[in-house]
C-alpha atoms as a PDB file:
ATOM      1  CA  MET A   1      20.405  20.914  12.043  1.00  0.00           C
ATOM      2  CA  PHE A   2      17.452  22.171  10.046  1.00  0.00           C
ATOM      3  CA  LYS A   3      16.481  18.685   8.827  1.00  0.00           C
ATOM      4  CA  ASN A   4      15.740  17.727  12.404  1.00  0.00           C
ATOM      5  CA  SER A   5      12.335  19.021  13.562  1.00  0.00           C
ATOM      6  CA  SER A   6      13.282  18.963  17.245  1.00  0.00           C
ATOM      7  CA  LYS A   7      16.452  20.997  16.579  1.00  0.00           C
ATOM      8  CA  LEU A   8      14.331  23.523  14.646  1.00  0.00           C
ATOM      9  CA  LEU A   9      11.896  23.731  17.541  1.00  0.00           C
ATOM     10  CA  PHE A  10      14.749  24.424  20.040  1.00  0.00           C
ATOM     11  CA  LEU A  11      16.197  27.001  17.645  1.00  0.00           C
ATOM     12  CA  ILE A  12      12.855  28.907  17.574  1.00  0.00           C
ATOM     13  CA  ILE A  13      12.674  28.715  21.439  1.00  0.00           C
ATOM     14  CA  LEU A  14      16.272  29.966  21.591  1.00  0.00           C
ATOM     15  CA  MET A  15      15.362  33.057  19.515  1.00  0.00           C
ATOM     16  CA  SER A  16      12.167  33.584  21.527  1.00  0.00           C
ATOM     17  CA  GLY A  17      14.188  33.700  24.756  1.00  0.00           C
ATOM     18  CA  THR A  18      16.428  36.420  23.381  1.00  0.00           C
ATOM     19  CA  PHE A  19      13.472  38.405  22.182  1.00  0.00           C
ATOM     20  CA  ILE A  20      11.800  38.105  25.602  1.00  0.00           C
ATOM     21  CA  THR A  21      14.966  39.431  27.271  1.00  0.00           C
ATOM     22  CA  ILE A  22      15.531  42.429  24.954  1.00  0.00           C
ATOM     23  CA  SER A  23      11.843  43.467  25.030  1.00  0.00           C
ATOM     24  CA  SER A  24      11.228  43.016  28.791  1.00  0.00           C
ATOM     25  CA  ASN A  25      10.610  45.950  31.052  1.00  0.00           C
ATOM     26  CA  SER A  26      11.621  44.253  34.314  1.00  0.00           C
ATOM     27  CA  TRP A  27      14.738  42.431  35.464  1.00  0.00           C
ATOM     28  CA  LEU A  28      12.758  39.320  36.415  1.00  0.00           C
ATOM     29  CA  SER A  29      11.343  38.839  32.917  1.00  0.00           C
ATOM     30  CA  ALA A  30      14.825  39.517  31.436  1.00  0.00           C
ATOM     31  CA  TRP A  31      16.220  36.803  33.665  1.00  0.00           C
ATOM     32  CA  MET A  32      13.415  34.476  32.509  1.00  0.00           C
ATOM     33  CA  GLY A  33      14.311  35.112  28.883  1.00  0.00           C
ATOM     34  CA  LEU A  34      17.958  34.305  29.564  1.00  0.00           C
ATOM     35  CA  GLU A  35      16.911  31.015  31.206  1.00  0.00           C
ATOM     36  CA  ILE A  36      14.718  30.046  28.248  1.00  0.00           C
ATOM     37  CA  ASN A  37      17.589  30.900  25.926  1.00  0.00           C
ATOM     38  CA  LEU A  38      20.038  28.766  27.983  1.00  0.00           C
ATOM     39  CA  LEU A  39      17.778  25.651  28.287  1.00  0.00           C
ATOM     40  CA  SER A  40      16.980  25.636  24.579  1.00  0.00           C
ATOM     41  CA  PHE A  41      20.628  25.903  23.531  1.00  0.00           C
ATOM     42  CA  ILE A  42      21.781  22.837  25.459  1.00  0.00           C
ATOM     43  CA  PRO A  43      19.828  20.328  23.188  1.00  0.00           C
ATOM     44  CA  LEU A  44      21.265  22.126  20.071  1.00  0.00           C
ATOM     45  CA  MET A  45      24.762  21.510  21.413  1.00  0.00           C
ATOM     46  CA  MET A  46      24.313  17.771  21.891  1.00  0.00           C
ATOM     47  CA  ASN A  47      25.589  15.459  19.199  1.00  0.00           C
ATOM     48  CA  TYR A  48      25.629  11.700  20.028  1.00  0.00           C
ATOM     49  CA  ASN A  49      28.305  11.113  17.340  1.00  0.00           C
ATOM     50  CA  ASN A  50      30.749  13.400  19.086  1.00  0.00           C
ATOM     51  CA  LEU A  51      31.653  12.825  22.777  1.00  0.00           C
ATOM     52  CA  MET A  52      33.183  16.275  23.043  1.00  0.00           C
ATOM     53  CA  THR A  53      29.759  17.930  22.825  1.00  0.00           C
ATOM     54  CA  SER A  54      28.736  16.367  26.184  1.00  0.00           C
ATOM     55  CA  GLU A  55      31.699  17.974  27.935  1.00  0.00           C
ATOM     56  CA  ALA A  56      31.065  21.343  26.208  1.00  0.00           C
ATOM     57  CA  SER A  57      27.394  21.338  27.028  1.00  0.00           C
ATOM     58  CA  LEU A  58      28.094  20.514  30.669  1.00  0.00           C
ATOM     59  CA  LYS A  59      30.636  23.340  30.943  1.00  0.00           C
ATOM     60  CA  TYR A  60      28.224  25.744  29.300  1.00  0.00           C
ATOM     61  CA  PHE A  61      25.338  24.671  31.562  1.00  0.00           C
ATOM     62  CA  LEU A  62      27.268  24.953  34.791  1.00  0.00           C
ATOM     63  CA  THR A  63      28.756  28.330  33.933  1.00  0.00           C
ATOM     64  CA  GLN A  64      25.503  29.813  32.726  1.00  0.00           C
ATOM     65  CA  THR A  65      23.624  28.427  35.742  1.00  0.00           C
ATOM     66  CA  LEU A  66      26.118  30.050  38.083  1.00  0.00           C
ATOM     67  CA  ALA A  67      25.810  33.377  36.304  1.00  0.00           C
ATOM     68  CA  SER A  68      21.969  33.149  36.300  1.00  0.00           C
ATOM     69  CA  ALA A  69      21.860  32.357  39.994  1.00  0.00           C
ATOM     70  CA  ILE A  70      24.068  35.279  40.961  1.00  0.00           C
ATOM     71  CA  LEU A  71      22.098  37.513  38.574  1.00  0.00           C
ATOM     72  CA  LEU A  72      18.810  36.623  40.227  1.00  0.00           C
ATOM     73  CA  PHE A  73      20.310  37.027  43.675  1.00  0.00           C
ATOM     74  CA  SER A  74      21.624  40.497  42.703  1.00  0.00           C
ATOM     75  CA  ILE A  75      18.268  41.531  41.275  1.00  0.00           C
ATOM     76  CA  ILE A  76      16.388  40.452  44.399  1.00  0.00           C
ATOM     77  CA  LEU A  77      18.864  42.316  46.659  1.00  0.00           C
ATOM     78  CA  MET A  78      18.683  45.417  44.473  1.00  0.00           C
ATOM     79  CA  MET A  79      14.885  45.483  44.555  1.00  0.00           C
ATOM     80  CA  PHE A  80      14.939  44.895  48.301  1.00  0.00           C
ATOM     81  CA  SER A  81      17.454  47.680  48.859  1.00  0.00           C
ATOM     82  CA  ILE A  82      15.230  50.128  46.825  1.00  0.00           C
ATOM     83  CA  ASN A  83      12.308  49.304  49.120  1.00  0.00           C
ATOM     84  CA  MET A  84      14.496  49.409  52.247  1.00  0.00           C
ATOM     85  CA  ASN A  85      16.888  52.138  51.231  1.00  0.00           C
ATOM     86  CA  TRP A  86      17.651  53.168  54.779  1.00  0.00           C
ATOM     87  CA  TYR A  87      19.014  49.737  55.620  1.00  0.00           C
ATOM     88  CA  PHE A  88      21.121  48.804  52.535  1.00  0.00           C
ATOM     89  CA  SER A  89      22.230  52.230  51.374  1.00  0.00           C
ATOM     90  CA  GLU A  90      26.016  51.559  51.531  1.00  0.00           C
ATOM     91  CA  PHE A  91      25.603  48.491  49.216  1.00  0.00           C
ATOM     92  CA  ASN A  92      23.745  50.265  46.488  1.00  0.00           C
ATOM     93  CA  THR A  93      26.871  50.742  44.335  1.00  0.00           C
ATOM     94  CA  LEU A  94      27.697  47.054  44.611  1.00  0.00           C
ATOM     95  CA  TYR A  95      24.574  45.813  42.681  1.00  0.00           C
ATOM     96  CA  PRO A  96      25.478  47.228  39.236  1.00  0.00           C
ATOM     97  CA  VAL A  97      28.909  45.681  39.508  1.00  0.00           C
ATOM     98  CA  MET A  98      27.415  42.237  40.393  1.00  0.00           C
ATOM     99  CA  ILE A  99      24.852  42.407  37.610  1.00  0.00           C
ATOM    100  CA  ASN A 100      27.530  43.499  35.033  1.00  0.00           C
ATOM    101  CA  SER A 101      29.849  40.709  36.181  1.00  0.00           C
ATOM    102  CA  CYS A 102      27.122  38.111  35.729  1.00  0.00           C
ATOM    103  CA  LEU A 103      26.305  39.313  32.257  1.00  0.00           C
ATOM    104  CA  LEU A 104      29.969  39.428  31.254  1.00  0.00           C
ATOM    105  CA  LEU A 105      30.303  35.837  32.508  1.00  0.00           C
ATOM    106  CA  LYS A 106      27.393  34.843  30.323  1.00  0.00           C
ATOM    107  CA  MET A 107      29.053  36.342  27.271  1.00  0.00           C
ATOM    108  CA  GLY A 108      32.547  35.053  27.991  1.00  0.00           C
ATOM    109  CA  ALA A 109      34.235  38.457  28.254  1.00  0.00           C
ATOM    110  CA  ALA A 110      37.595  38.706  30.014  1.00  0.00           C
ATOM    111  CA  PRO A 111      38.342  38.053  32.921  1.00  0.00           C
ATOM    112  CA  PHE A 112      35.295  35.727  32.882  1.00  0.00           C
ATOM    113  CA  HIS A 113      36.362  33.969  29.687  1.00  0.00           C
ATOM    114  CA  PHE A 114      37.746  30.765  31.207  1.00  0.00           C
ATOM    115  CA  TRP A 115      34.852  28.565  29.855  1.00  0.00           C
ATOM    116  CA  PHE A 116      34.528  30.058  26.347  1.00  0.00           C
ATOM    117  CA  PRO A 117      37.427  28.474  24.365  1.00  0.00           C
ATOM    118  CA  GLY A 118      36.777  25.034  25.918  1.00  0.00           C
ATOM    119  CA  VAL A 119      33.057  25.115  24.967  1.00  0.00           C
ATOM    120  CA  MET A 120      33.905  26.339  21.468  1.00  0.00           C
ATOM    121  CA  GLU A 121      36.372  23.482  20.996  1.00  0.00           C
ATOM    122  CA  GLY A 122      33.664  20.890  21.546  1.00  0.00           C
ATOM    123  CA  LEU A 123      31.079  22.188  19.156  1.00  0.00           C
ATOM    124  CA  ASN A 124      30.536  22.163  15.376  1.00  0.00           C
ATOM    125  CA  TRP A 125      30.722  25.367  13.328  1.00  0.00           C
ATOM    126  CA  THR A 126      26.943  25.975  13.276  1.00  0.00           C
ATOM    127  CA  ASN A 127      26.730  25.969  17.077  1.00  0.00           C
ATOM    128  CA  ASN A 128      29.977  27.966  17.289  1.00  0.00           C
ATOM    129  CA  PHE A 129      28.344  30.689  15.149  1.00  0.00           C
ATOM    130  CA  ILE A 130      25.273  30.719  17.485  1.00  0.00           C
ATOM    131  CA  LEU A 131      27.539  30.955  20.569  1.00  0.00           C
ATOM    132  CA  MET A 132      29.752  33.692  19.049  1.00  0.00           C
ATOM    133  CA  THR A 133      26.894  35.915  17.889  1.00  0.00           C
ATOM    134  CA  TRP A 134      23.277  35.216  18.884  1.00  0.00           C
ATOM    135  CA  GLN A 135      24.051  34.225  22.507  1.00  0.00           C
ATOM    136  CA  LYS A 136      25.718  37.630  23.074  1.00  0.00           C
ATOM    137  CA  ILE A 137      22.702  39.747  22.081  1.00  0.00           C
ATOM    138  CA  ALA A 138      20.653  39.498  25.284  1.00  0.00           C
ATOM    139  CA  PRO A 139      23.580  40.087  27.720  1.00  0.00           C
ATOM    140  CA  LEU A 140      24.958  43.003  25.633  1.00  0.00           C
ATOM    141  CA  MET A 141      21.465  44.596  25.608  1.00  0.00           C
ATOM    142  CA  LEU A 142      21.134  44.256  29.382  1.00  0.00           C
ATOM    143  CA  ILE A 143      24.685  45.566  30.014  1.00  0.00           C
ATOM    144  CA  SER A 144      23.846  48.671  27.946  1.00  0.00           C
ATOM    145  CA  TYR A 145      21.334  49.590  30.704  1.00  0.00           C
ATOM    146  CA  PHE A 146      24.015  49.468  33.418  1.00  0.00           C
ATOM    147  CA  ILE A 147      27.243  51.039  32.189  1.00  0.00           C
ATOM    148  CA  ILE A 148      29.972  51.655  34.741  1.00  0.00           C
ATOM    149  CA  PRO A 149      32.791  53.590  32.938  1.00  0.00           C
ATOM    150  CA  ASN A 150      35.659  52.731  35.313  1.00  0.00           C
ATOM    151  CA  LEU A 151      34.816  49.002  35.381  1.00  0.00           C
ATOM    152  CA  PHE A 152      34.277  48.992  31.639  1.00  0.00           C
ATOM    153  CA  ASN A 153      37.644  50.486  30.857  1.00  0.00           C
ATOM    154  CA  LEU A 154      39.323  47.598  32.709  1.00  0.00           C
ATOM    155  CA  ILE A 155      37.123  44.958  31.064  1.00  0.00           C
ATOM    156  CA  ILE A 156      37.730  46.396  27.600  1.00  0.00           C
ATOM    157  CA  LEU A 157      41.479  46.310  27.986  1.00  0.00           C
ATOM    158  CA  LEU A 158      41.484  42.816  29.494  1.00  0.00           C
ATOM    159  CA  SER A 159      39.235  41.433  26.764  1.00  0.00           C
ATOM    160  CA  ILE A 160      41.395  42.847  23.962  1.00  0.00           C
ATOM    161  CA  LEU A 161      44.623  41.792  25.663  1.00  0.00           C
ATOM    162  CA  ILE A 162      43.480  38.204  26.421  1.00  0.00           C
ATOM    163  CA  GLY A 163      41.764  37.972  23.013  1.00  0.00           C
ATOM    164  CA  SER A 164      45.031  39.016  21.309  1.00  0.00           C
ATOM    165  CA  LEU A 165      47.591  37.014  23.334  1.00  0.00           C
ATOM    166  CA  GLY A 166      45.378  33.933  23.862  1.00  0.00           C
ATOM    167  CA  GLY A 167      45.238  33.032  20.189  1.00  0.00           C
ATOM    168  CA  LEU A 168      48.975  33.198  19.557  1.00  0.00           C
ATOM    169  CA  ASN A 169      49.800  29.713  20.683  1.00  0.00           C
ATOM    170  CA  GLN A 170      46.705  27.998  19.255  1.00  0.00           C
ATOM    171  CA  THR A 171      46.582  25.493  16.343  1.00  0.00           C
ATOM    172  CA  SER A 172      42.816  24.829  16.631  1.00  0.00           C
ATOM    173  CA  LEU A 173      40.713  27.118  14.435  1.00  0.00           C
ATOM    174  CA  ARG A 174      37.834  26.949  16.921  1.00  0.00           C
ATOM    175  CA  LYS A 175      39.938  28.276  19.748  1.00  0.00           C
ATOM    176  CA  ILE A 176      41.409  30.989  17.442  1.00  0.00           C
ATOM    177  CA  MET A 177      37.834  32.102  16.596  1.00  0.00           C
ATOM    178  CA  ALA A 178      36.991  31.956  20.346  1.00  0.00           C
ATOM    179  CA  PHE A 179      39.829  34.334  21.310  1.00  0.00           C
ATOM    180  CA  SER A 180      38.900  36.482  18.292  1.00  0.00           C
ATOM    181  CA  SER A 181      35.364  36.753  19.676  1.00  0.00           C
ATOM    182  CA  ILE A 182      36.702  37.819  23.038  1.00  0.00           C
ATOM    183  CA  ASN A 183      38.811  40.490  21.368  1.00  0.00           C
ATOM    184  CA  HIS A 184      35.823  41.856  19.331  1.00  0.00           C
ATOM    185  CA  LEU A 185      33.698  41.838  22.530  1.00  0.00           C
ATOM    186  CA  GLY A 186      36.125  44.398  23.967  1.00  0.00           C
ATOM    187  CA  TRP A 187      35.524  46.571  20.920  1.00  0.00           C
ATOM    188  CA  MET A 188      31.720  46.204  21.261  1.00  0.00           C
ATOM    189  CA  LEU A 189      31.900  47.294  24.894  1.00  0.00           C
ATOM    190  CA  ALA A 190      34.021  50.278  23.896  1.00  0.00           C
ATOM    191  CA  ALA A 191      31.462  51.139  21.214  1.00  0.00           C
ATOM    192  CA  MET A 192      28.682  50.805  23.869  1.00  0.00           C
ATOM    193  CA  MET A 193      30.487  53.330  26.072  1.00  0.00           C
ATOM    194  CA  SER A 194      30.895  55.788  23.160  1.00  0.00           C
ATOM    195  CA  ASN A 195      27.518  55.720  21.435  1.00  0.00           C
ATOM    196  CA  GLU A 196      24.147  54.050  22.014  1.00  0.00           C
ATOM    197  CA  ASN A 197      23.730  52.582  18.579  1.00  0.00           C
ATOM    198  CA  LEU A 198      27.394  52.020  17.582  1.00  0.00           C
ATOM    199  CA  TRP A 199      27.744  48.600  19.309  1.00  0.00           C
ATOM    200  CA  GLU A 200      24.705  47.315  17.362  1.00  0.00           C
ATOM    201  CA  PHE A 201      26.322  48.309  14.059  1.00  0.00           C
ATOM    202  CA  TYR A 202      29.641  46.706  15.123  1.00  0.00           C
ATOM    203  CA  PHE A 203      27.807  43.578  16.196  1.00  0.00           C
ATOM    204  CA  CYS A 204      26.006  43.272  12.843  1.00  0.00           C
ATOM    205  CA  ILE A 205      29.246  43.633  10.822  1.00  0.00           C
ATOM    206  CA  TYR A 206      31.045  41.127  13.113  1.00  0.00           C
ATOM    207  CA  SER A 207      28.185  38.585  12.788  1.00  0.00           C
ATOM    208  CA  PHE A 208      28.248  38.998   8.976  1.00  0.00           C
ATOM    209  CA  LEU A 209      32.003  38.352   8.762  1.00  0.00           C
ATOM    210  CA  SER A 210      31.944  35.465  11.258  1.00  0.00           C
ATOM    211  CA  PHE A 211      29.080  33.864   9.280  1.00  0.00           C
ATOM    212  CA  THR A 212      31.006  34.035   6.033  1.00  0.00           C
ATOM    213  CA  ILE A 213      34.209  32.631   7.541  1.00  0.00           C
ATOM    214  CA  LEU A 214      32.403  29.808   9.355  1.00  0.00           C
ATOM    215  CA  ILE A 215      30.543  28.813   6.186  1.00  0.00           C
ATOM    216  CA  LEU A 216      33.966  28.434   4.526  1.00  0.00           C
ATOM    217  CA  PHE A 217      35.333  26.380   7.420  1.00  0.00           C
ATOM    218  CA  ASP A 218      32.233  24.263   7.546  1.00  0.00           C
ATOM    219  CA  MET A 219      32.274  23.706   3.776  1.00  0.00           C
ATOM    220  CA  LEU A 220      35.921  22.483   3.953  1.00  0.00           C
ATOM    221  CA  LYS A 221      35.398  20.529   7.166  1.00  0.00           C
ATOM    222  CA  VAL A 222      38.556  22.001   8.716  1.00  0.00           C
ATOM    223  CA  PHE A 223      39.124  22.441  12.439  1.00  0.00           C
ATOM    224  CA  HIS A 224      42.929  22.872  12.694  1.00  0.00           C
ATOM    225  CA  ILE A 225      45.494  24.999  10.943  1.00  0.00           C
ATOM    226  CA  ASN A 226      47.405  22.052   9.465  1.00  0.00           C
ATOM    227  CA  GLN A 227      44.216  20.833   7.751  1.00  0.00           C
ATOM    228  CA  THR A 228      44.095  24.005   5.661  1.00  0.00           C
ATOM    229  CA  PHE A 229      47.490  23.449   4.005  1.00  0.00           C
ATOM    230  CA  PHE A 230      46.523  20.738   1.453  1.00  0.00           C
ATOM    231  CA  ILE A 231      43.012  22.055   0.756  1.00  0.00           C
ATOM    232  CA  MET A 232      44.123  25.649   0.267  1.00  0.00           C
ATOM    233  CA  ASN A 233      46.954  24.561  -2.048  1.00  0.00           C
ATOM    234  CA  ASN A 234      44.423  22.600  -4.076  1.00  0.00           C
ATOM    235  CA  ASN A 235      42.156  25.623  -4.730  1.00  0.00           C
ATOM    236  CA  SER A 236      43.540  29.072  -5.289  1.00  0.00           C
ATOM    237  CA  LEU A 237      40.123  30.699  -5.066  1.00  0.00           C
ATOM    238  CA  ILE A 238      39.494  29.244  -1.561  1.00  0.00           C
ATOM    239  CA  LYS A 239      42.943  30.371  -0.531  1.00  0.00           C
ATOM    240  CA  PHE A 240      42.196  33.964  -1.629  1.00  0.00           C
ATOM    241  CA  LEU A 241      38.773  34.025  -0.013  1.00  0.00           C
ATOM    242  CA  MET A 242      40.053  32.807   3.372  1.00  0.00           C
ATOM    243  CA  PHE A 243      42.900  35.296   3.280  1.00  0.00           C
ATOM    244  CA  THR A 244      40.689  38.340   2.539  1.00  0.00           C
ATOM    245  CA  LEU A 245      37.970  37.306   4.976  1.00  0.00           C
ATOM    246  CA  LEU A 246      40.446  36.871   7.863  1.00  0.00           C
ATOM    247  CA  LEU A 247      42.008  40.234   7.067  1.00  0.00           C
ATOM    248  CA  SER A 248      38.552  41.828   7.035  1.00  0.00           C
ATOM    249  CA  LEU A 249      37.679  40.229  10.441  1.00  0.00           C
ATOM    250  CA  GLY A 250      41.002  41.602  11.714  1.00  0.00           C
ATOM    251  CA  GLY A 251      39.889  45.115  10.750  1.00  0.00           C
ATOM    252  CA  LEU A 252      42.489  45.912   8.090  1.00  0.00           C
ATOM    253  CA  PRO A 253      41.563  48.631   5.552  1.00  0.00           C
ATOM    254  CA  PRO A 254      40.117  48.701   2.919  1.00  0.00           C
ATOM    255  CA  PHE A 255      37.969  45.735   3.918  1.00  0.00           C
ATOM    256  CA  LEU A 256      34.493  46.008   5.438  1.00  0.00           C
ATOM    257  CA  GLY A 257      35.723  44.934   8.917  1.00  0.00           C
ATOM    258  CA  PHE A 258      37.677  48.123   9.226  1.00  0.00           C
ATOM    259  CA  MET A 259      34.568  50.328   9.166  1.00  0.00           C
ATOM    260  CA  PRO A 260      33.087  49.602  12.604  1.00  0.00           C
ATOM    261  CA  LYS A 261      36.602  49.887  14.191  1.00  0.00           C
ATOM    262  CA  TRP A 262      37.098  53.174  12.401  1.00  0.00           C
ATOM    263  CA  LEU A 263      33.855  54.473  13.852  1.00  0.00           C
ATOM    264  CA  VAL A 264      34.732  53.271  17.363  1.00  0.00           C
ATOM    265  CA  ILE A 265      38.185  54.954  17.119  1.00  0.00           C
ATOM    266  CA  GLN A 266      36.487  58.215  15.967  1.00  0.00           C
ATOM    267  CA  TYR A 267      33.941  58.201  18.804  1.00  0.00           C
ATOM    268  CA  LEU A 268      36.568  57.382  21.426  1.00  0.00           C
ATOM    269  CA  THR A 269      38.691  60.284  20.132  1.00  0.00           C
ATOM    270  CA  MET A 270      35.673  62.602  20.274  1.00  0.00           C
ATOM    271  CA  ASN A 271      35.069  61.548  23.900  1.00  0.00           C
ATOM    272  CA  ASN A 272      38.682  62.197  24.813  1.00  0.00           C
ATOM    273  CA  ASN A 273      39.490  58.527  25.499  1.00  0.00           C
ATOM    274  CA  ILE A 274      42.777  58.788  23.636  1.00  0.00           C
ATOM    275  CA  LEU A 275      44.835  56.500  25.825  1.00  0.00           C
ATOM    276  CA  LEU A 276      42.226  53.709  25.712  1.00  0.00           C
ATOM    277  CA  MET A 277      41.919  54.022  21.957  1.00  0.00           C
ATOM    278  CA  ILE A 278      45.712  53.800  21.439  1.00  0.00           C
ATOM    279  CA  MET A 279      46.033  50.691  23.663  1.00  0.00           C
ATOM    280  CA  MET A 280      43.072  49.062  21.924  1.00  0.00           C
ATOM    281  CA  VAL A 281      44.575  49.623  18.415  1.00  0.00           C
ATOM    282  CA  CYS A 282      48.053  48.417  19.480  1.00  0.00           C
ATOM    283  CA  LEU A 283      46.738  45.264  21.123  1.00  0.00           C
ATOM    284  CA  THR A 284      44.435  44.428  18.212  1.00  0.00           C
ATOM    285  CA  LEU A 285      47.346  44.447  15.797  1.00  0.00           C
ATOM    286  CA  ILE A 286      48.463  41.182  17.552  1.00  0.00           C
ATOM    287  CA  THR A 287      45.296  39.445  16.303  1.00  0.00           C
ATOM    288  CA  LEU A 288      46.273  40.066  12.715  1.00  0.00           C
ATOM    289  CA  TYR A 289      49.334  37.882  13.343  1.00  0.00           C
ATOM    290  CA  TYR A 290      47.367  34.771  14.118  1.00  0.00           C
ATOM    291  CA  TYR A 291      44.813  35.500  11.364  1.00  0.00           C
ATOM    292  CA  ILE A 292      47.594  35.727   8.824  1.00  0.00           C
ATOM    293  CA  ARG A 293      49.325  32.655  10.279  1.00  0.00           C
ATOM    294  CA  ILE A 294      46.368  30.501   9.062  1.00  0.00           C
ATOM    295  CA  CYS A 295      47.085  31.468   5.487  1.00  0.00           C
ATOM    296  CA  TYR A 296      50.725  32.492   5.115  1.00  0.00           C
ATOM    297  CA  ALA A 297      52.133  28.933   5.126  1.00  0.00           C
ATOM    298  CA  SER A 298      50.060  27.920   2.117  1.00  0.00           C
ATOM    299  CA  PHE A 299      51.065  31.158   0.364  1.00  0.00           C
ATOM    300  CA  LEU A 300      54.820  30.886   0.999  1.00  0.00           C
ATOM    301  CA  ILE A 301      55.597  27.203   1.409  1.00  0.00           C
ATOM    302  CA  ASN A 302      54.913  24.448  -1.100  1.00  0.00           C
ATOM    303  CA  TYR A 303      53.409  21.286   0.434  1.00  0.00           C
ATOM    304  CA  TRP A 304      53.108  17.882  -1.100  1.00  0.00           C
ATOM    305  CA  GLU A 305      49.577  17.249  -2.320  1.00  0.00           C
ATOM    306  CA  ILE A 306      47.911  13.841  -1.759  1.00  0.00           C
ATOM    307  CA  ASN A 307      45.660  12.559  -4.511  1.00  0.00           C
ATOM    308  CA  TRP A 308      42.814  11.990  -2.028  1.00  0.00           C
ATOM    309  CA  PHE A 309      42.528  15.760  -1.539  1.00  0.00           C
ATOM    310  CA  ASN A 310      41.984  16.314  -5.244  1.00  0.00           C
ATOM    311  CA  LYS A 311      38.760  14.336  -5.065  1.00  0.00           C
ATOM    312  CA  ILE A 312      37.086  16.650  -2.524  1.00  0.00           C
ATOM    313  CA  GLN A 313      33.826  17.941  -3.951  1.00  0.00           C
ATOM    314  CA  LEU A 314      32.842  21.393  -2.749  1.00  0.00           C
ATOM    315  CA  ASN A 315      29.208  22.149  -2.110  1.00  0.00           C
ATOM    316  CA  PHE A 316      28.128  24.511  -4.892  1.00  0.00           C
ATOM    317  CA  THR A 317      25.528  26.352  -2.854  1.00  0.00           C
ATOM    318  CA  LYS A 318      27.917  27.086   0.039  1.00  0.00           C
ATOM    319  CA  LEU A 319      30.659  27.995  -2.409  1.00  0.00           C
ATOM    320  CA  PHE A 320      28.390  30.473  -4.253  1.00  0.00           C
ATOM    321  CA  LEU A 321      27.186  31.915  -0.921  1.00  0.00           C
ATOM    322  CA  THR A 322      30.798  32.268   0.271  1.00  0.00           C
ATOM    323  CA  LEU A 323      31.774  34.013  -3.029  1.00  0.00           C
ATOM    324  CA  PHE A 324      28.871  36.482  -2.744  1.00  0.00           C
ATOM    325  CA  LEU A 325      29.423  37.263   0.966  1.00  0.00           C
ATOM    326  CA  SER A 326      33.198  37.530   0.384  1.00  0.00           C
ATOM    327  CA  PHE A 327      32.510  40.027  -2.362  1.00  0.00           C
ATOM    328  CA  LEU A 328      30.452  42.118   0.055  1.00  0.00           C
ATOM    329  CA  SER A 329      33.252  41.925   2.624  1.00  0.00           C
ATOM    330  CA  PHE A 330      35.887  42.864   0.118  1.00  0.00           C
ATOM    331  CA  THR A 331      33.990  45.827  -1.496  1.00  0.00           C
ATOM    332  CA  GLY A 332      31.521  46.706   1.300  1.00  0.00           C
ATOM    333  CA  MET A 333      33.492  49.654   2.651  1.00  0.00           C
ATOM    334  CA  LEU A 334      33.950  51.091  -0.863  1.00  0.00           C
ATOM    335  CA  LEU A 335      30.224  50.688  -1.671  1.00  0.00           C
ATOM    336  CA  ILE A 336      29.201  52.367   1.640  1.00  0.00           C
ATOM    337  CA  ASN A 337      31.529  55.320   1.040  1.00  0.00           C
ATOM    338  CA  PHE A 338      30.362  55.599  -2.539  1.00  0.00           C
ATOM    339  CA  SER A 339      26.708  55.677  -1.532  1.00  0.00           C
ATOM    340  CA  TYR A 340      27.436  58.248   1.178  1.00  0.00           C
ATOM    341  CA  PHE A 341      28.885  60.605  -1.395  1.00  0.00           C
ATOM    342  CA  LEU A 342      25.962  60.035  -3.739  1.00  0.00           C
ATOM    343  CA  ILE A 343      23.520  61.008  -0.931  1.00  0.00           C
END
């Protein structure tokens, strides 16, 4: 991507659109930033060597356009009702629900997730990382201005439930990561309800772990579970790294991925959301099953190795970066706790 000057230009515009949205002081300028972000991501998705990108970009464009149109319509109606409060007073509670629904559709949160796995399936790992992380920043920031507790409790449970159950029957790694993203989105919304800055911390840790795993998948050029069998048998280090990173993304202690979930559980308990917290933890345990399923076959079952797989040359830079980031994921929670006691 970065060797192509036009792709680099669109990437800069993509980032600028997000910055416009999160720094705007009016809904109209926030909508404008979302549109700039959308129209700059479409060229990044296109790849003429892969026909699936055309389908994915069309799905993404139509869904985002629908959400943007309803968002603009909701904003105009809300501003009009403020000026004409005597006429539209009974509809004032409807506008926050409409605006939240549009932003949830833009992120791909349940029950508006129908487009997300299909779009993820048609993209490469670099664009998947942008879609899973950067494209969620602006909608999450706007949603934090308009929190509706009763609606959010339902959205959180649906996101975690669909994110957990949706990945059970999948063999595509891209769809597994898509349902994993929906699951983590539920935790981010729960963090947003609990504390103003907690969701930002959760998002940073999730982006770090996703970046490390997607570098590994991109380095090995794997897109389905059965492709990992031969490669992971051929290299014990890669097998260990993938196993630990997936467990960290699943939030298993003592890995770094457990820390943001620990904080969310603590804040939900402090706010007396005990039932919501218990249901979130129980449903999230299901995700660990399909994370472990990616690795357990290569650990427990011996596969025949083909000579062609022995000639695969791993990129040294990506391998070193994966090793370093995996070390941070493996020991990050220990280092943070150690620094806390030193302070």
